[in-house]
Amino acid sequence: MNDVLKTLGIKSINAGVYAGDDGWLENPAGAALHSLNPASNEIIATVSPARPAGYDAAVRAAQAGFASWRLLPAPRRGEVIRDLGNALRDYKEPLGELVSLENGKIRSEGLGEVQEMIDICDFAVGLSRQLYGLTMHSERPGHRMYEQWHPLGPIGVITAFNFPVAVWSWNAAIAAVCGDTMIWKPSPSTPLTAIAVQHICNRVMARHGVAGVFNLVIDADAAIGERMTADERLPLISFTGSIRAGKRVAQRVAARLGRSILELGGNNGIIVSADADLDLATRAIVFGAVGTAGQRCTTTRRLIVQRSISDELCNRLIRAYQSVAIGDPMAEGILMGPLVNEGAVDTMMAAIQRAESEGGQVLTGGIPRPDIGANFVEPAIIRMPRQTPLVRHETFAPILYVMEYEALAEAIAMHNAVPQGLSSAIFTGDLRSSEAFLSPAGSDCGIANVNIGTSGAEIGGAFGGEKETGGGRESGSDAWKAYMRRQTTTINFSGELPLAQGVEFDV
């Protein structure tokens, strides 16, 4: 572990603010924020959290950086992001291992998260030459009308613990090529990964002679986040987190007529029909429900199975679950690490008790494993007689609720009858069933898959969901438009002044 920390520039005590030319700012009077290894609850390192003055310094740095960064041609900005992607390639292994140490996801997932950062940098480099605007035909002769897109300004990025670096990169790489600068507030549960990324960004900025593009503020509670959401200097807040917190962010940003990108909770379902490939479905369900210890926004939480195959599929899943190796996420062969903290374990245990009170039957798992560590628990499968109030609620833990259906229309109705709308999937060999699931009357989620699970979205497609998931979109497709302002421009080269809609006004 010490070699990983040293390689990434992590000290025993780390400053919690990076503010452009002001550099790293410490808060010696503040209480230290301890970063814990969830596999052992041991302290990895500590952070000196931000004070309001440090936050203001970071915003000023982002503002100063924006003044020059926005004028750099987008392809030149893309060269900086290309260099960032290459730097991440150089540090992929130690940064991925730090993700696993601080977050608890298994090593291959930690490395995969850094690869996702690299991929989005590659995407953004290409995007830097494709920030297209439309040209429209004017109704007035001798006029040209078109749209252009300009940088928006310094933006705030608030991320969650479960993807401590990838989600930042979705925002940062695209926002940077769009000409924005940013202030990043990571989860207080995973501050060290953010500090490591900031060190990498600093080297890249120095090589290109730019400053203030990437800035960092780390806080031990929600105080800095509250300042960010109310700060009129930040025209956009991108927030990833719970629905409850997201509603608060939406209200505060909207109150000042700012913009927000909200990536909130997911209560993702998979429909499995009788004609599905059950080998394929089983692998996808287990990864979707157990990966990252059930702590993904795209985790599979509800399984809606055609009644005629329900017992067979459940038996397959039980065997697969009982073979999942649980333990130190850095160890070879481990498939599931710990939950993020003991509070998450308590939440899972309370959900299992409530499921049983609502008529649920635990088929396997749901047992704490203190012999491994305080934050370890066996993933659970619970057969539910119906979609109860608990099932409609997202519990951020490895619990899979299984329900049955007869006809596809019933399954789709069950699937959509939750407040969240992030990711969804159907496993079927029937073309009509798959098309029905993807139709306007099918899945109401932002992501809908056929014969693929709910987890593992690619960066080329816009990521986000509907309903209480927040409606935000990050990563690929045309998500870049959220980070820019649109300007409609008309040029008159006629020498006359005809008015639109045939209006006459002579003086």
Protein backbone atom coordinates (compact mmCIF):
# COMPACT_ATOMS: atom_id res chain seq x y z
CA MET A 1 0.00 0.00 0.00
CA ASN A 2 2.78 2.43 0.87
CA ASP A 3 4.30 2.12 -2.60
CA VAL A 4 0.94 2.98 -4.18
CA LEU A 5 0.52 6.05 -1.98
CA LYS A 6 4.07 7.26 -2.60
CA THR A 7 3.76 6.84 -6.37
CA LEU A 8 0.58 8.92 -6.40
CA GLY A 9 1.91 11.66 -4.12
CA ILE A 10 -0.28 10.78 -1.14
CA LYS A 11 1.21 11.77 2.22
CA SER A 12 0.21 10.81 5.73
CA ILE A 13 -1.50 14.23 6.02
CA ASN A 14 -2.76 15.89 2.83
CA ALA A 15 -4.09 19.35 2.02
CA GLY A 16 -7.76 19.31 1.06
CA VAL A 17 -7.84 22.25 -1.39
CA TYR A 18 -6.07 22.86 -4.67
CA ALA A 19 -6.68 26.35 -6.06
CA GLY A 20 -4.79 27.10 -9.26
CA ASP A 21 -1.73 29.29 -8.80
CA ASP A 22 -2.32 29.32 -5.02
CA GLY A 23 -1.52 25.60 -5.02
CA TRP A 24 -2.39 23.27 -2.16
CA LEU A 25 -4.09 25.00 0.78
CA GLU A 26 -4.16 23.44 4.21
CA ASN A 27 -6.55 23.99 7.10
CA PRO A 28 -4.43 23.30 10.17
CA ALA A 29 -7.20 24.40 12.53
CA GLY A 30 -9.75 21.97 11.12
CA ALA A 31 -10.45 18.44 12.31
CA ALA A 32 -8.61 15.86 10.20
CA LEU A 33 -10.65 13.80 7.76
CA HIS A 34 -9.55 10.17 7.95
CA SER A 35 -9.69 8.01 4.84
CA LEU A 36 -10.47 4.43 5.88
CA ASN A 37 -9.84 1.16 4.11
CA PRO A 38 -13.32 -0.44 4.22
CA ALA A 39 -11.79 -3.92 4.11
CA SER A 40 -10.04 -3.37 7.46
CA ASN A 41 -11.35 -0.03 8.81
CA GLU A 42 -7.70 1.05 9.11
CA ILE A 43 -6.70 4.64 8.39
CA ILE A 44 -4.96 4.95 5.03
CA ALA A 45 -4.12 8.66 5.36
CA THR A 46 -5.72 11.88 6.56
CA VAL A 47 -6.83 15.06 4.82
CA SER A 48 -7.03 18.64 6.04
CA PRO A 49 -10.54 19.59 4.89
CA ALA A 50 -11.49 22.83 3.17
CA ARG A 51 -12.49 26.03 4.93
CA PRO A 52 -14.78 28.60 3.27
CA ALA A 53 -11.72 30.70 2.45
CA GLY A 54 -10.13 27.76 0.68
CA TYR A 55 -13.28 27.14 -1.30
CA ASP A 56 -13.40 30.78 -2.39
CA ALA A 57 -9.76 30.56 -3.46
CA ALA A 58 -10.60 27.55 -5.64
CA VAL A 59 -13.51 29.38 -7.26
CA ARG A 60 -11.33 32.43 -7.93
CA ALA A 61 -8.72 30.16 -9.49
CA ALA A 62 -11.36 28.58 -11.72
CA GLN A 63 -12.61 32.02 -12.75
CA ALA A 64 -9.12 33.25 -13.57
CA GLY A 65 -8.36 30.07 -15.48
CA PHE A 66 -11.59 30.35 -17.44
CA ALA A 67 -10.69 33.81 -18.74
CA SER A 68 -7.82 32.37 -20.79
CA TRP A 69 -8.86 28.71 -21.17
CA ARG A 70 -12.07 29.61 -23.03
CA LEU A 71 -10.03 31.48 -25.67
CA LEU A 72 -7.78 28.52 -26.42
CA PRO A 73 -9.05 26.79 -29.58
CA ALA A 74 -10.99 23.63 -28.74
CA PRO A 75 -8.54 21.33 -30.56
CA ARG A 76 -5.75 22.81 -28.43
CA ARG A 77 -7.81 22.11 -25.33
CA GLY A 78 -8.19 18.59 -26.67
CA GLU A 79 -4.40 18.22 -26.72
CA VAL A 80 -4.35 18.85 -22.96
CA ILE A 81 -6.98 16.16 -22.43
CA ARG A 82 -5.02 13.79 -24.68
CA ASP A 83 -2.05 14.34 -22.39
CA LEU A 84 -4.28 13.73 -19.35
CA GLY A 85 -5.42 10.42 -20.85
CA ASN A 86 -1.81 9.39 -21.43
CA ALA A 87 -0.88 10.36 -17.88
CA LEU A 88 -3.73 8.21 -16.61
CA ARG A 89 -2.36 5.34 -18.68
CA ASP A 90 0.98 5.77 -16.92
CA TYR A 91 -0.69 5.70 -13.50
CA LYS A 92 -3.47 3.22 -14.23
CA GLU A 93 -2.24 0.47 -11.95
CA PRO A 94 -1.45 2.47 -8.79
CA LEU A 95 -4.52 4.70 -9.19
CA GLY A 96 -6.77 1.68 -9.78
CA GLU A 97 -5.32 0.01 -6.70
CA LEU A 98 -5.92 3.14 -4.64
CA VAL A 99 -9.56 3.08 -5.79
CA SER A 100 -9.80 -0.48 -4.47
CA LEU A 101 -8.06 0.37 -1.20
CA GLU A 102 -10.22 3.39 -0.46
CA ASN A 103 -13.53 2.32 -2.01
CA GLY A 104 -13.51 -1.46 -1.47
CA LYS A 105 -14.29 -2.58 -5.02
CA ILE A 106 -12.21 -5.47 -6.30
CA ARG A 107 -8.90 -4.69 -8.00
CA SER A 108 -10.10 -5.43 -11.54
CA GLU A 109 -12.99 -3.01 -11.04
CA GLY A 110 -10.61 -0.38 -9.69
CA LEU A 111 -8.41 -0.74 -12.76
CA GLY A 112 -11.52 -0.73 -14.95
CA GLU A 113 -12.60 2.55 -13.44
CA VAL A 114 -9.31 4.17 -14.43
CA GLN A 115 -9.65 2.67 -17.90
CA GLU A 116 -13.02 4.39 -18.09
CA MET A 117 -11.25 7.68 -17.37
CA ILE A 118 -8.80 6.97 -20.18
CA ASP A 119 -11.63 6.11 -22.57
CA ILE A 120 -13.53 9.33 -21.85
CA CYS A 121 -10.36 11.34 -22.43
CA ASP A 122 -10.02 9.66 -25.84
CA PHE A 123 -13.67 10.46 -26.55
CA ALA A 124 -13.22 14.09 -25.50
CA VAL A 125 -10.16 14.54 -27.72
CA GLY A 126 -12.24 13.63 -30.76
CA LEU A 127 -15.08 15.75 -29.49
CA SER A 128 -12.81 18.80 -29.36
CA ARG A 129 -13.02 18.93 -33.17
CA GLN A 130 -16.76 18.24 -33.31
CA LEU A 131 -18.50 20.93 -31.24
CA TYR A 132 -20.92 21.46 -34.08
CA GLY A 133 -23.50 24.19 -34.52
CA LEU A 134 -26.34 24.19 -37.03
CA THR A 135 -26.74 26.52 -40.00
CA MET A 136 -30.33 27.54 -40.77
CA HIS A 137 -31.82 29.24 -43.82
CA SER A 138 -32.99 32.75 -43.03
CA GLU A 139 -36.36 33.93 -44.33
CA ARG A 140 -34.72 37.29 -45.12
CA PRO A 141 -32.63 37.66 -48.28
CA GLY A 142 -28.97 38.42 -47.81
CA HIS A 143 -28.91 37.02 -44.30
CA ARG A 144 -27.06 34.03 -42.83
CA MET A 145 -28.23 32.43 -39.61
CA TYR A 146 -26.41 29.83 -37.55
CA GLU A 147 -25.85 28.50 -34.04
CA GLN A 148 -22.57 28.48 -32.20
CA TRP A 149 -21.65 27.06 -28.82
CA HIS A 150 -19.52 28.91 -26.28
CA PRO A 151 -17.91 27.79 -23.02
CA LEU A 152 -20.25 28.09 -20.06
CA GLY A 153 -17.89 29.05 -17.25
CA PRO A 154 -16.44 27.53 -14.06
CA ILE A 155 -18.57 24.54 -13.07
CA GLY A 156 -18.98 22.53 -9.88
CA VAL A 157 -18.67 18.73 -9.93
CA ILE A 158 -19.87 16.82 -6.85
CA THR A 159 -19.25 13.06 -6.96
CA ALA A 160 -20.13 10.02 -4.85
CA PHE A 161 -17.95 7.37 -3.21
CA ASN A 162 -18.90 4.43 -5.41
CA PHE A 163 -17.16 5.72 -8.54
CA PRO A 164 -14.60 8.02 -6.95
CA VAL A 165 -12.74 8.97 -10.13
CA ALA A 166 -14.66 7.84 -13.23
CA VAL A 167 -17.69 10.08 -12.78
CA TRP A 168 -15.46 13.11 -12.28
CA SER A 169 -13.73 12.30 -15.57
CA TRP A 170 -17.05 12.08 -17.44
CA ASN A 171 -17.65 15.68 -16.48
CA ALA A 172 -14.09 16.98 -16.43
CA ALA A 173 -12.82 15.72 -19.78
CA ILE A 174 -15.86 16.93 -21.71
CA ALA A 175 -16.23 20.21 -19.81
CA ALA A 176 -12.54 20.97 -20.36
CA VAL A 177 -12.63 20.55 -24.15
CA CYS A 178 -15.80 22.67 -24.14
CA GLY A 179 -13.72 25.46 -22.56
CA ASP A 180 -14.95 25.25 -18.97
CA THR A 181 -12.89 25.14 -15.80
CA MET A 182 -14.08 23.29 -12.73
CA ILE A 183 -14.11 22.78 -8.99
CA TRP A 184 -14.39 19.17 -7.85
CA LYS A 185 -15.88 18.18 -4.51
CA PRO A 186 -15.44 14.41 -4.05
CA SER A 187 -17.09 12.23 -1.43
CA PRO A 188 -15.48 12.54 2.01
CA SER A 189 -15.35 8.72 2.00
CA THR A 190 -12.88 8.70 -0.91
CA PRO A 191 -10.72 11.85 -0.71
CA LEU A 192 -7.35 10.26 -1.48
CA THR A 193 -8.27 9.14 -4.99
CA ALA A 194 -9.31 12.72 -5.75
CA ILE A 195 -6.02 14.07 -4.42
CA ALA A 196 -4.11 11.57 -6.54
CA VAL A 197 -6.03 12.63 -9.65
CA GLN A 198 -5.39 16.29 -8.87
CA HIS A 199 -1.64 15.59 -8.69
CA ILE A 200 -1.84 14.03 -12.16
CA CYS A 201 -3.85 16.99 -13.47
CA ASN A 202 -1.30 19.41 -12.03
CA ARG A 203 1.53 17.80 -13.96
CA VAL A 204 -0.49 17.94 -17.17
CA MET A 205 -1.47 21.59 -16.64
CA ALA A 206 2.16 22.51 -15.92
CA ARG A 207 3.38 20.84 -19.11
CA HIS A 208 0.92 22.89 -21.16
CA GLY A 209 1.38 26.17 -19.32
CA VAL A 210 -2.22 26.45 -18.13
CA ALA A 211 -3.61 26.94 -14.63
CA GLY A 212 -6.95 26.88 -12.87
CA VAL A 213 -8.62 24.36 -15.20
CA PHE A 214 -8.85 21.59 -12.59
CA ASN A 215 -9.37 22.58 -8.93
CA LEU A 216 -10.26 20.55 -5.85
CA VAL A 217 -12.08 21.10 -2.55
CA ILE A 218 -12.52 18.34 0.02
CA ASP A 219 -14.89 18.71 2.93
CA ALA A 220 -15.80 16.41 5.78
CA ASP A 221 -19.52 17.22 5.57
CA ALA A 222 -22.03 18.91 3.27
CA ALA A 223 -21.10 22.53 4.06
CA ILE A 224 -18.94 23.13 0.99
CA GLY A 225 -21.49 21.39 -1.21
CA GLU A 226 -24.15 23.74 0.11
CA ARG A 227 -21.95 26.71 -0.79
CA MET A 228 -21.36 25.33 -4.27
CA THR A 229 -25.00 24.79 -5.08
CA ALA A 230 -25.90 28.35 -4.03
CA ASP A 231 -22.86 29.98 -5.67
CA GLU A 232 -23.85 32.20 -8.61
CA ARG A 233 -20.24 32.10 -9.83
CA LEU A 234 -20.84 28.48 -10.88
CA PRO A 235 -23.39 28.40 -13.73
CA LEU A 236 -23.58 24.59 -13.69
CA ILE A 237 -23.54 22.02 -10.88
CA SER A 238 -23.13 18.36 -11.81
CA PHE A 239 -24.23 16.23 -8.86
CA THR A 240 -24.05 12.47 -8.42
CA GLY A 241 -25.60 11.04 -5.26
CA SER A 242 -28.82 10.10 -3.53
CA ILE A 243 -32.28 11.21 -4.58
CA ARG A 244 -32.80 12.98 -1.27
CA ALA A 245 -29.62 15.04 -1.64
CA GLY A 246 -30.27 15.56 -5.35
CA LYS A 247 -33.63 17.17 -4.67
CA ARG A 248 -31.90 19.61 -2.33
CA VAL A 249 -29.28 20.39 -4.99
CA ALA A 250 -31.96 20.90 -7.65
CA GLN A 251 -33.88 23.34 -5.47
CA ARG A 252 -30.86 25.42 -4.53
CA VAL A 253 -29.46 25.62 -8.06
CA ALA A 254 -32.86 26.38 -9.59
CA ALA A 255 -33.47 29.13 -7.02
CA ARG A 256 -30.62 31.10 -8.60
CA LEU A 257 -31.62 30.02 -12.14
CA GLY A 258 -28.49 27.93 -12.54
CA ARG A 259 -28.18 24.67 -14.42
CA SER A 260 -27.81 21.23 -12.91
CA ILE A 261 -26.93 17.76 -14.16
CA LEU A 262 -28.41 15.25 -11.73
CA GLU A 263 -27.37 11.58 -11.63
CA LEU A 264 -29.35 10.18 -8.70
CA GLY A 265 -30.67 6.82 -7.55
CA GLY A 266 -31.41 3.75 -9.62
CA ASN A 267 -33.71 0.84 -8.79
CA ASN A 268 -32.81 -1.16 -11.84
CA GLY A 269 -34.80 -4.13 -13.04
CA ILE A 270 -34.19 -7.06 -15.39
CA ILE A 271 -37.04 -8.92 -17.07
CA VAL A 272 -36.26 -12.53 -17.95
CA SER A 273 -38.66 -14.31 -20.30
CA ALA A 274 -39.12 -18.05 -20.70
CA ASP A 275 -37.30 -18.02 -24.05
CA ALA A 276 -34.17 -16.33 -22.64
CA ASP A 277 -30.68 -17.82 -22.67
CA LEU A 278 -30.46 -18.59 -18.95
CA ASP A 279 -26.67 -19.07 -18.97
CA LEU A 280 -26.29 -15.57 -20.36
CA ALA A 281 -28.91 -14.12 -18.03
CA THR A 282 -27.39 -15.72 -14.94
CA ARG A 283 -23.93 -14.25 -15.55
CA ALA A 284 -25.35 -10.79 -16.23
CA ILE A 285 -27.62 -10.84 -13.17
CA VAL A 286 -24.87 -11.94 -10.80
CA PHE A 287 -22.44 -9.28 -12.02
CA GLY A 288 -25.15 -6.62 -12.02
CA ALA A 289 -26.33 -7.45 -8.50
CA VAL A 290 -23.04 -8.35 -6.81
CA GLY A 291 -20.46 -6.15 -8.59
CA THR A 292 -19.08 -3.33 -6.43
CA ALA A 293 -20.91 -5.05 -3.53
CA GLY A 294 -24.23 -3.77 -4.88
CA GLN A 295 -23.09 -0.15 -4.56
CA ARG A 296 -23.51 1.01 -8.15
CA CYS A 297 -26.26 3.32 -9.30
CA THR A 298 -26.75 0.73 -12.08
CA THR A 299 -26.81 -2.28 -9.73
CA THR A 300 -29.49 -4.85 -10.57
CA ARG A 301 -31.95 -4.69 -7.68
CA ARG A 302 -35.16 -6.20 -9.11
CA LEU A 303 -35.51 -9.41 -11.10
CA ILE A 304 -38.86 -9.93 -12.84
CA VAL A 305 -39.01 -13.53 -14.07
CA GLN A 306 -41.62 -15.37 -16.11
CA ARG A 307 -43.26 -17.77 -13.71
CA SER A 308 -42.56 -20.94 -15.71
CA ILE A 309 -38.76 -20.53 -15.33
CA SER A 310 -38.63 -18.78 -11.96
CA ASP A 311 -37.53 -21.80 -9.91
CA GLU A 312 -34.91 -22.86 -12.42
CA LEU A 313 -33.38 -19.39 -12.66
CA CYS A 314 -33.44 -18.90 -8.89
CA ASN A 315 -31.63 -22.23 -8.40
CA ARG A 316 -28.97 -21.16 -10.91
CA LEU A 317 -28.53 -17.84 -9.12
CA ILE A 318 -28.31 -19.47 -5.69
CA ARG A 319 -25.51 -21.74 -6.89
CA ALA A 320 -23.71 -18.80 -8.48
CA TYR A 321 -24.07 -16.62 -5.36
CA GLN A 322 -22.73 -19.37 -3.13
CA SER A 323 -19.61 -19.56 -5.30
CA VAL A 324 -18.85 -15.81 -5.07
CA ALA A 325 -15.53 -15.34 -3.30
CA ILE A 326 -15.81 -12.57 -0.68
CA GLY A 327 -12.78 -10.95 0.90
CA ASP A 328 -9.90 -8.53 0.52
CA PRO A 329 -10.62 -6.71 -2.75
CA MET A 330 -6.90 -6.61 -3.58
CA ALA A 331 -6.57 -10.41 -3.36
CA GLU A 332 -6.51 -12.63 -6.43
CA GLY A 333 -9.78 -14.43 -7.19
CA ILE A 334 -12.00 -12.24 -4.98
CA LEU A 335 -15.26 -11.22 -6.68
CA MET A 336 -16.85 -9.11 -3.94
CA GLY A 337 -15.25 -6.77 -1.44
CA PRO A 338 -16.74 -4.92 1.53
CA LEU A 339 -19.53 -2.40 1.75
CA VAL A 340 -18.25 1.11 2.22
CA ASN A 341 -18.81 1.25 6.00
CA GLU A 342 -20.65 -0.33 8.91
CA GLY A 343 -23.61 1.98 8.38
CA ALA A 344 -24.13 0.45 4.94
CA VAL A 345 -24.13 -3.02 6.51
CA ASP A 346 -26.72 -1.92 9.07
CA THR A 347 -28.90 -0.50 6.29
CA MET A 348 -28.73 -3.80 4.42
CA MET A 349 -29.64 -5.84 7.49
CA ALA A 350 -32.60 -3.56 8.21
CA ALA A 351 -33.81 -3.95 4.61
CA ILE A 352 -33.66 -7.74 4.85
CA GLN A 353 -35.70 -7.71 8.06
CA ARG A 354 -38.26 -5.44 6.45
CA ALA A 355 -38.43 -7.63 3.34
CA GLU A 356 -39.29 -10.62 5.51
CA SER A 357 -41.97 -8.59 7.29
CA GLU A 358 -43.46 -7.78 3.87
CA GLY A 359 -43.67 -11.46 2.94
CA GLY A 360 -40.22 -11.95 1.43
CA GLN A 361 -38.25 -15.20 1.60
CA VAL A 362 -34.45 -15.06 1.75
CA LEU A 363 -33.20 -17.69 -0.70
CA THR A 364 -29.52 -17.19 0.04
CA GLY A 365 -27.10 -14.77 1.64
CA GLY A 366 -27.75 -11.69 3.71
CA ILE A 367 -25.41 -12.90 6.45
CA PRO A 368 -22.75 -10.59 7.94
CA ARG A 369 -19.19 -11.91 7.79
CA PRO A 370 -17.35 -10.44 10.79
CA ASP A 371 -14.81 -13.25 10.42
CA ILE A 372 -13.57 -11.37 7.32
CA GLY A 373 -14.23 -7.82 8.52
CA ALA A 374 -16.89 -5.52 9.92
CA ASN A 375 -18.06 -4.32 6.49
CA PHE A 376 -18.40 -7.69 4.77
CA VAL A 377 -21.71 -9.42 4.12
CA GLU A 378 -22.95 -12.18 1.84
CA PRO A 379 -25.04 -10.91 -1.10
CA ALA A 380 -28.72 -11.76 -0.74
CA ILE A 381 -31.48 -13.04 -3.01
CA ILE A 382 -34.99 -12.49 -1.68
CA ARG A 383 -38.13 -13.82 -3.34
CA MET A 384 -40.94 -11.29 -2.97
CA PRO A 385 -44.65 -12.04 -3.43
CA ARG A 386 -45.16 -8.65 -5.04
CA GLN A 387 -43.52 -5.27 -5.53
CA THR A 388 -43.86 -3.99 -1.95
CA PRO A 389 -43.00 -0.46 -0.72
CA LEU A 390 -39.51 -1.71 0.19
CA VAL A 391 -38.88 -3.00 -3.33
CA ARG A 392 -39.82 0.40 -4.74
CA HIS A 393 -37.07 1.91 -2.57
CA GLU A 394 -33.37 1.70 -3.50
CA THR A 395 -31.24 0.05 -0.83
CA PHE A 396 -27.58 0.66 -1.71
CA ALA A 397 -26.46 -2.89 -0.95
CA PRO A 398 -26.21 -6.33 -2.64
CA ILE A 399 -29.87 -7.33 -2.32
CA LEU A 400 -31.71 -8.80 -5.32
CA TYR A 401 -35.52 -8.98 -5.13
CA VAL A 402 -37.14 -11.65 -7.31
CA MET A 403 -40.75 -11.39 -8.51
CA GLU A 404 -42.79 -13.34 -11.05
CA TYR A 405 -44.99 -12.45 -14.02
CA GLU A 406 -47.10 -14.19 -16.65
CA ALA A 407 -47.44 -11.83 -19.63
CA LEU A 408 -44.88 -9.31 -20.91
CA ALA A 409 -47.23 -6.37 -20.46
CA GLU A 410 -47.49 -7.26 -16.77
CA ALA A 411 -43.70 -7.44 -16.50
CA ILE A 412 -43.20 -4.03 -18.11
CA ALA A 413 -45.83 -2.51 -15.84
CA MET A 414 -44.07 -3.97 -12.78
CA HIS A 415 -40.74 -2.78 -14.09
CA ASN A 416 -41.90 0.82 -14.54
CA ALA A 417 -43.83 1.03 -11.26
CA VAL A 418 -40.94 2.53 -9.28
CA PRO A 419 -39.95 6.19 -8.80
CA GLN A 420 -36.47 5.70 -10.28
CA GLY A 421 -35.63 5.36 -13.97
CA LEU A 422 -31.94 4.79 -14.63
CA SER A 423 -31.03 1.41 -16.19
CA SER A 424 -33.09 -1.55 -17.36
CA ALA A 425 -32.76 -4.79 -19.30
CA ILE A 426 -34.67 -7.68 -20.79
CA PHE A 427 -33.40 -11.15 -21.59
CA THR A 428 -35.36 -12.74 -24.40
CA GLY A 429 -34.86 -14.58 -27.66
CA ASP A 430 -38.02 -13.11 -29.15
CA LEU A 431 -37.70 -10.08 -31.42
CA ARG A 432 -41.22 -8.86 -30.65
CA SER A 433 -40.58 -8.93 -26.90
CA SER A 434 -37.32 -7.01 -27.21
CA GLU A 435 -38.91 -4.39 -29.47
CA ALA A 436 -41.86 -4.03 -27.10
CA PHE A 437 -39.43 -3.41 -24.24
CA LEU A 438 -37.67 -0.70 -26.28
CA SER A 439 -40.86 0.92 -27.57
CA PRO A 440 -42.44 4.11 -26.16
CA ALA A 441 -44.71 1.84 -24.11
CA GLY A 442 -41.75 -0.19 -22.83
CA SER A 443 -38.99 0.65 -20.38
CA ASP A 444 -39.23 4.20 -19.00
CA CYS A 445 -35.53 4.33 -18.11
CA GLY A 446 -32.72 6.37 -19.59
CA ILE A 447 -30.87 3.14 -20.41
CA ALA A 448 -32.59 0.09 -21.88
CA ASN A 449 -30.67 -3.07 -22.83
CA VAL A 450 -31.51 -6.35 -24.52
CA ASN A 451 -29.59 -9.47 -23.46
CA ILE A 452 -27.14 -7.29 -21.52
CA GLY A 453 -27.35 -6.49 -17.81
CA THR A 454 -28.01 -3.14 -16.18
CA SER A 455 -24.37 -2.43 -15.28
CA GLY A 456 -21.43 -1.59 -17.48
CA ALA A 457 -22.49 1.41 -19.58
CA GLU A 458 -20.03 2.47 -22.29
CA ILE A 459 -18.74 6.03 -22.44
CA GLY A 460 -19.90 6.55 -26.04
CA GLY A 461 -23.55 6.69 -25.02
CA ALA A 462 -25.12 9.43 -22.91
CA PHE A 463 -25.47 8.15 -19.34
CA GLY A 464 -28.41 9.11 -17.15
CA GLY A 465 -31.99 8.41 -16.27
CA GLU A 466 -35.53 9.69 -15.89
CA LYS A 467 -38.02 10.33 -13.06
CA GLU A 468 -36.30 10.56 -9.68
CA THR A 469 -32.97 9.62 -11.26
CA GLY A 470 -32.88 13.31 -12.17
CA GLY A 471 -32.92 13.50 -15.96
CA GLY A 472 -29.22 14.35 -16.29
CA ARG A 473 -26.92 13.09 -19.03
CA GLU A 474 -23.14 12.74 -18.85
CA SER A 475 -20.42 11.07 -20.90
CA GLY A 476 -21.04 10.41 -24.62
CA SER A 477 -23.40 11.34 -27.44
CA ASP A 478 -24.33 15.05 -27.32
CA ALA A 479 -24.00 15.37 -23.54
CA TRP A 480 -21.36 18.05 -24.24
CA LYS A 481 -24.14 20.56 -24.87
CA ALA A 482 -24.90 20.71 -21.14
CA TYR A 483 -21.46 22.24 -20.55
CA MET A 484 -21.84 25.04 -23.13
CA ARG A 485 -24.15 27.93 -23.91
CA ARG A 486 -25.94 28.14 -27.25
CA GLN A 487 -25.88 31.36 -29.24
CA THR A 488 -28.02 32.02 -32.32
CA THR A 489 -26.29 34.39 -34.71
CA THR A 490 -27.65 36.24 -37.75
CA ILE A 491 -25.43 38.14 -40.19
CA ASN A 492 -26.93 40.68 -42.59
CA PHE A 493 -24.81 41.16 -45.70
CA SER A 494 -27.60 42.57 -47.89
CA GLY A 495 -27.31 46.31 -47.31
CA GLU A 496 -31.05 46.34 -46.57
CA LEU A 497 -32.91 45.85 -43.29
CA PRO A 498 -35.87 43.55 -43.92
CA LEU A 499 -37.66 42.51 -40.72
CA ALA A 500 -38.72 39.01 -39.84
CA GLN A 501 -42.33 37.88 -40.30
CA GLY A 502 -42.81 40.62 -42.90
CA VAL A 503 -43.07 43.38 -40.32
CA GLU A 504 -42.85 46.90 -41.77
CA PHE A 505 -41.36 49.71 -39.71
CA ASP A 506 -40.14 52.72 -41.69
CA VAL A 507 -38.66 55.84 -40.15
